[in-house]
C-alpha atoms as a PDB file:
ATOM      1  CA  MET A   1     322.546 -89.333 199.974  1.00  0.00           C
ATOM      2  CA  ARG A   2     325.487 -87.046 199.187  1.00  0.00           C
ATOM      3  CA  ALA A   3     327.251 -84.892 201.730  1.00  0.00           C
ATOM      4  CA  ASP A   4     327.251 -81.208 200.844  1.00  0.00           C
ATOM      5  CA  LEU A   5     330.538 -79.604 201.737  1.00  0.00           C
ATOM      6  CA  SER A   6     330.282 -77.034 198.942  1.00  0.00           C
ATOM      7  CA  PRO A   7     330.034 -73.918 201.179  1.00  0.00           C
ATOM      8  CA  LEU A   8     333.120 -74.998 203.140  1.00  0.00           C
ATOM      9  CA  ILE A   9     335.018 -75.907 199.957  1.00  0.00           C
ATOM     10  CA  ALA A  10     334.086 -72.664 198.202  1.00  0.00           C
ATOM     11  CA  ALA A  11     335.017 -70.454 201.165  1.00  0.00           C
ATOM     12  CA  THR A  12     338.292 -72.228 201.895  1.00  0.00           C
ATOM     13  CA  ALA A  13     339.341 -72.184 198.230  1.00  0.00           C
ATOM     14  CA  LEU A  14     338.436 -68.494 198.056  1.00  0.00           C
ATOM     15  CA  TRP A  15     340.570 -67.819 201.132  1.00  0.00           C
ATOM     16  CA  LEU A  16     343.555 -69.587 199.530  1.00  0.00           C
ATOM     17  CA  ASN A  17     343.071 -67.683 196.263  1.00  0.00           C
ATOM     18  CA  ARG A  18     342.849 -64.320 197.990  1.00  0.00           C
ATOM     19  CA  SER A  19     345.794 -65.039 200.282  1.00  0.00           C
ATOM     20  CA  TYR A  20     348.021 -66.436 197.516  1.00  0.00           C
ATOM     21  CA  PRO A  21     346.698 -64.841 194.303  1.00  0.00           C
ATOM     22  CA  ALA A  22     347.397 -65.855 190.743  1.00  0.00           C
ATOM     23  CA  SER A  23     350.210 -64.360 188.726  1.00  0.00           C
ATOM     24  CA  GLY A  24     348.772 -62.992 185.484  1.00  0.00           C
ATOM     25  CA  GLY A  25     345.390 -62.252 183.989  1.00  0.00           C
ATOM     26  CA  ALA A  26     342.012 -63.930 183.868  1.00  0.00           C
ATOM     27  CA  MET A  27     343.301 -67.269 182.573  1.00  0.00           C
ATOM     28  CA  ALA A  28     345.907 -67.452 185.335  1.00  0.00           C
ATOM     29  CA  SER A  29     343.218 -66.664 187.917  1.00  0.00           C
ATOM     30  CA  ALA A  30     341.039 -69.468 186.588  1.00  0.00           C
ATOM     31  CA  LEU A  31     343.931 -71.956 186.643  1.00  0.00           C
ATOM     32  CA  CYS A  32     344.912 -70.935 190.162  1.00  0.00           C
ATOM     33  CA  GLU A  33     341.306 -71.205 191.339  1.00  0.00           C
ATOM     34  CA  ALA A  34     340.986 -74.695 189.837  1.00  0.00           C
ATOM     35  CA  GLN A  35     344.108 -75.867 191.649  1.00  0.00           C
ATOM     36  CA  ALA A  36     342.987 -74.411 194.971  1.00  0.00           C
ATOM     37  CA  ARG A  37     339.514 -75.895 194.605  1.00  0.00           C
ATOM     38  CA  GLN A  38     340.900 -79.355 193.788  1.00  0.00           C
ATOM     39  CA  ALA A  39     343.258 -79.283 196.775  1.00  0.00           C
ATOM     40  CA  VAL A  40     340.524 -78.047 199.105  1.00  0.00           C
ATOM     41  CA  THR A  41     338.060 -80.628 197.797  1.00  0.00           C
ATOM     42  CA  VAL A  42     340.478 -83.484 198.468  1.00  0.00           C
ATOM     43  CA  ALA A  43     341.302 -82.081 201.902  1.00  0.00           C
ATOM     44  CA  ALA A  44     337.631 -81.591 202.817  1.00  0.00           C
ATOM     45  CA  TRP A  45     336.667 -85.073 201.644  1.00  0.00           C
ATOM     46  CA  LEU A  46     339.483 -86.540 203.724  1.00  0.00           C
ATOM     47  CA  ARG A  47     338.653 -84.433 206.781  1.00  0.00           C
ATOM     48  CA  TYR A  48     334.905 -85.121 206.584  1.00  0.00           C
ATOM     49  CA  PRO A  49     334.768 -88.570 204.948  1.00  0.00           C
ATOM     50  CA  THR A  50     331.156 -89.509 205.705  1.00  0.00           C
ATOM     51  CA  VAL A  51     327.754 -87.966 205.168  1.00  0.00           C
ATOM     52  CA  MET A  52     327.441 -87.739 208.951  1.00  0.00           C
ATOM     53  CA  ASP A  53     330.744 -85.859 209.279  1.00  0.00           C
ATOM     54  CA  ALA A  54     329.637 -83.378 206.618  1.00  0.00           C
ATOM     55  CA  ALA A  55     326.261 -82.910 208.311  1.00  0.00           C
ATOM     56  CA  LEU A  56     327.954 -82.216 211.640  1.00  0.00           C
ATOM     57  CA  VAL A  57     330.285 -79.573 210.229  1.00  0.00           C
ATOM     58  CA  ASP A  58     327.317 -78.064 208.408  1.00  0.00           C
ATOM     59  CA  MET A  59     325.481 -77.716 211.736  1.00  0.00           C
ATOM     60  CA  ALA A  60     328.428 -76.594 213.861  1.00  0.00           C
ATOM     61  CA  GLY A  61     330.307 -74.540 211.280  1.00  0.00           C
ATOM     62  CA  PRO A  62     333.971 -74.924 210.386  1.00  0.00           C
ATOM     63  CA  GLY A  63     335.420 -72.118 212.518  1.00  0.00           C
ATOM     64  CA  GLY A  64     336.448 -69.321 210.194  1.00  0.00           C
ATOM     65  CA  SER A  65     339.603 -67.740 208.848  1.00  0.00           C
ATOM     66  CA  ALA A  66     340.801 -65.531 211.740  1.00  0.00           C
ATOM     67  CA  ARG A  67     343.885 -67.573 212.690  1.00  0.00           C
ATOM     68  CA  LEU A  68     344.776 -68.203 209.050  1.00  0.00           C
ATOM     69  CA  ASP A  69     344.499 -64.487 208.295  1.00  0.00           C
ATOM     70  CA  ARG A  70     346.945 -63.688 211.087  1.00  0.00           C
ATOM     71  CA  LEU A  71     349.416 -66.361 209.954  1.00  0.00           C
ATOM     72  CA  SER A  72     349.355 -65.458 206.289  1.00  0.00           C
ATOM     73  CA  GLY A  73     349.123 -61.721 206.714  1.00  0.00           C
ATOM     74  CA  ALA A  74     345.950 -61.767 204.632  1.00  0.00           C
ATOM     75  CA  LYS A  75     343.788 -58.677 204.808  1.00  0.00           C
ATOM     76  CA  ALA A  76     340.759 -59.737 206.809  1.00  0.00           C
ATOM     77  CA  ASP A  77     337.325 -58.221 206.583  1.00  0.00           C
ATOM     78  CA  ASP A  78     333.916 -59.079 207.979  1.00  0.00           C
ATOM     79  CA  ALA A  79     332.675 -60.876 204.868  1.00  0.00           C
ATOM     80  CA  PRO A  80     330.263 -63.678 205.838  1.00  0.00           C
ATOM     81  CA  TRP A  81     332.032 -66.262 203.664  1.00  0.00           C
ATOM     82  CA  ARG A  82     335.060 -66.080 206.008  1.00  0.00           C
ATOM     83  CA  SER A  83     333.080 -67.913 208.701  1.00  0.00           C
ATOM     84  CA  TRP A  84     332.914 -70.947 206.377  1.00  0.00           C
ATOM     85  CA  VAL A  85     336.694 -71.270 206.008  1.00  0.00           C
ATOM     86  CA  ASP A  86     337.983 -74.433 207.659  1.00  0.00           C
ATOM     87  CA  GLU A  87     341.474 -74.021 209.132  1.00  0.00           C
ATOM     88  CA  VAL A  88     342.323 -77.724 209.041  1.00  0.00           C
ATOM     89  CA  VAL A  89     341.104 -78.098 205.457  1.00  0.00           C
ATOM     90  CA  ALA A  90     343.099 -75.012 204.396  1.00  0.00           C
ATOM     91  CA  SER A  91     346.203 -76.411 206.090  1.00  0.00           C
ATOM     92  CA  TRP A  92     345.771 -79.823 204.505  1.00  0.00           C
ATOM     93  CA  ALA A  93     345.170 -78.215 201.098  1.00  0.00           C
ATOM     94  CA  ALA A  94     348.375 -76.179 201.520  1.00  0.00           C
ATOM     95  CA  CYS A  95     350.227 -79.428 202.219  1.00  0.00           C
ATOM     96  CA  LEU A  96     348.774 -81.026 199.092  1.00  0.00           C
ATOM     97  CA  LEU A  97     349.641 -78.040 196.910  1.00  0.00           C
ATOM     98  CA  THR A  98     353.272 -78.046 198.024  1.00  0.00           C
ATOM     99  CA  ASP A  99     353.968 -81.792 198.315  1.00  0.00           C
ATOM    100  CA  PRO A 100     353.206 -83.916 195.216  1.00  0.00           C
ATOM    101  CA  GLU A 101     353.791 -87.220 197.031  1.00  0.00           C
ATOM    102  CA  LEU A 102     351.370 -86.299 199.777  1.00  0.00           C
ATOM    103  CA  ALA A 103     348.824 -85.121 197.197  1.00  0.00           C
ATOM    104  CA  ALA A 104     348.976 -88.477 195.396  1.00  0.00           C
ATOM    105  CA  LEU A 105     348.506 -90.350 198.686  1.00  0.00           C
ATOM    106  CA  ALA A 106     345.591 -88.121 199.620  1.00  0.00           C
ATOM    107  CA  VAL A 107     343.769 -88.628 196.315  1.00  0.00           C
ATOM    108  CA  ALA A 108     344.355 -92.387 196.552  1.00  0.00           C
ATOM    109  CA  GLY A 109     342.919 -92.254 200.069  1.00  0.00           C
ATOM    110  CA  LEU A 110     339.593 -91.016 198.707  1.00  0.00           C
ATOM    111  CA  ASP A 111     338.780 -94.265 196.892  1.00  0.00           C
ATOM    112  CA  GLY A 112     335.612 -95.874 198.134  1.00  0.00           C
ATOM    113  CA  GLY A 113     334.624 -92.957 200.367  1.00  0.00           C
ATOM    114  CA  ASP A 114     331.152 -91.450 200.614  1.00  0.00           C
ATOM    115  CA  HIS A 115     332.146 -88.530 198.392  1.00  0.00           C
ATOM    116  CA  THR A 116     333.583 -90.472 195.472  1.00  0.00           C
ATOM    117  CA  THR A 117     331.281 -93.473 195.240  1.00  0.00           C
ATOM    118  CA  GLY A 118     329.821 -93.559 191.758  1.00  0.00           C
ATOM    119  CA  LEU A 119     331.391 -90.266 190.725  1.00  0.00           C
ATOM    120  CA  PRO A 120     334.173 -89.668 188.253  1.00  0.00           C
ATOM    121  CA  THR A 121     336.917 -87.652 189.900  1.00  0.00           C
ATOM    122  CA  ASP A 122     339.687 -85.753 188.181  1.00  0.00           C
ATOM    123  CA  PHE A 123     342.339 -83.996 190.195  1.00  0.00           C
ATOM    124  CA  ARG A 124     344.805 -83.507 187.341  1.00  0.00           C
ATOM    125  CA  ARG A 125     345.543 -79.865 188.123  1.00  0.00           C
ATOM    126  CA  LEU A 126     346.456 -80.846 191.671  1.00  0.00           C
ATOM    127  CA  LEU A 127     348.398 -84.004 190.819  1.00  0.00           C
ATOM    128  CA  ALA A 128     350.020 -83.129 187.501  1.00  0.00           C
ATOM    129  CA  PRO A 129     350.063 -79.374 186.978  1.00  0.00           C
ATOM    130  CA  ASP A 130     351.485 -78.288 183.651  1.00  0.00           C
ATOM    131  CA  ALA A 131     353.719 -75.272 183.065  1.00  0.00           C
ATOM    132  CA  HIS A 132     350.718 -72.917 182.745  1.00  0.00           C
ATOM    133  CA  ASP A 133     349.280 -74.200 186.032  1.00  0.00           C
ATOM    134  CA  ARG A 134     352.598 -73.743 187.811  1.00  0.00           C
ATOM    135  CA  ARG A 135     353.096 -70.196 186.527  1.00  0.00           C
ATOM    136  CA  ALA A 136     349.546 -69.206 187.418  1.00  0.00           C
ATOM    137  CA  ALA A 137     349.799 -70.617 190.934  1.00  0.00           C
ATOM    138  CA  ALA A 138     353.382 -69.662 191.711  1.00  0.00           C
ATOM    139  CA  LEU A 139     352.372 -68.162 195.066  1.00  0.00           C
ATOM    140  CA  LEU A 140     349.737 -70.813 195.819  1.00  0.00           C
ATOM    141  CA  ARG A 141     352.268 -73.636 195.390  1.00  0.00           C
ATOM    142  CA  HIS A 142     355.291 -71.942 196.965  1.00  0.00           C
ATOM    143  CA  PRO A 143     356.376 -74.120 199.928  1.00  0.00           C
ATOM    144  CA  ASP A 144     357.995 -71.275 201.853  1.00  0.00           C
ATOM    145  CA  LEU A 145     355.004 -68.963 201.510  1.00  0.00           C
ATOM    146  CA  LEU A 146     352.512 -71.654 202.518  1.00  0.00           C
ATOM    147  CA  ALA A 147     354.686 -73.080 205.321  1.00  0.00           C
ATOM    148  CA  PRO A 148     352.959 -71.226 208.184  1.00  0.00           C
ATOM    149  CA  VAL A 149     349.591 -72.594 207.048  1.00  0.00           C
ATOM    150  CA  SER A 150     350.705 -76.091 206.064  1.00  0.00           C
ATOM    151  CA  ARG A 151     352.625 -76.601 209.316  1.00  0.00           C
ATOM    152  CA  LEU A 152     349.477 -76.081 211.377  1.00  0.00           C
ATOM    153  CA  HIS A 153     347.969 -79.508 210.696  1.00  0.00           C
ATOM    154  CA  ARG A 154     350.499 -81.397 208.527  1.00  0.00           C
ATOM    155  CA  ARG A 155     351.175 -84.026 211.190  1.00  0.00           C
ATOM    156  CA  GLN A 156     347.450 -84.735 211.498  1.00  0.00           C
ATOM    157  CA  LEU A 157     347.138 -85.160 207.704  1.00  0.00           C
ATOM    158  CA  VAL A 158     350.141 -87.465 207.511  1.00  0.00           C
ATOM    159  CA  ASN A 159     348.788 -89.576 210.369  1.00  0.00           C
ATOM    160  CA  HIS A 160     345.357 -89.614 208.754  1.00  0.00           C
ATOM    161  CA  LEU A 161     346.896 -90.993 205.571  1.00  0.00           C
ATOM    162  CA  GLY A 162     348.653 -93.679 207.614  1.00  0.00           C
ATOM    163  CA  ARG A 163     352.193 -92.621 206.825  1.00  0.00           C
ATOM    164  CA  GLY A 164     353.252 -91.706 210.373  1.00  0.00           C
ATOM    165  CA  GLN A 165     356.744 -90.259 210.586  1.00  0.00           C
ATOM    166  CA  ALA A 166     357.727 -91.127 207.018  1.00  0.00           C
ATOM    167  CA  LEU A 167     356.433 -87.870 205.518  1.00  0.00           C
ATOM    168  CA  ILE A 168     356.771 -85.506 208.436  1.00  0.00           C
ATOM    169  CA  ALA A 169     359.569 -83.095 207.686  1.00  0.00           C
END
């Protein structure tokens, strides 16, 4: 049985893309969306590592985007998808997008989990973005712009990955 975190992943990636939009046209938007989705997927799989965890968040709901909207200055509306944004997942994804070392540790931490068993995974756009990826996601990967969001739960992510104080800056 697979855990379905797709509504949470889609909503949280959409929030990141709307809050830190792509620079350029349609191709840049697609590249930025791919990077956000990969970061959010890794963060969600780490945050909800088992089928049971995913089922529980599916029943209870992730909490919504209200606090994130205030922190980022994003224009909030009453769109239903906003209720599926997960603050911790968004924060962890922001950390992964702005810290390559942490992103590599996070992807390595997925091995053998419920979400990756028997599935090929490719997080190249997250782990090794090329020049096009970087230009498209200049806002999405900017450490200063994402700092208010990434600071929210960075310590929890670092502890989750077993690195303790080594990566907390």
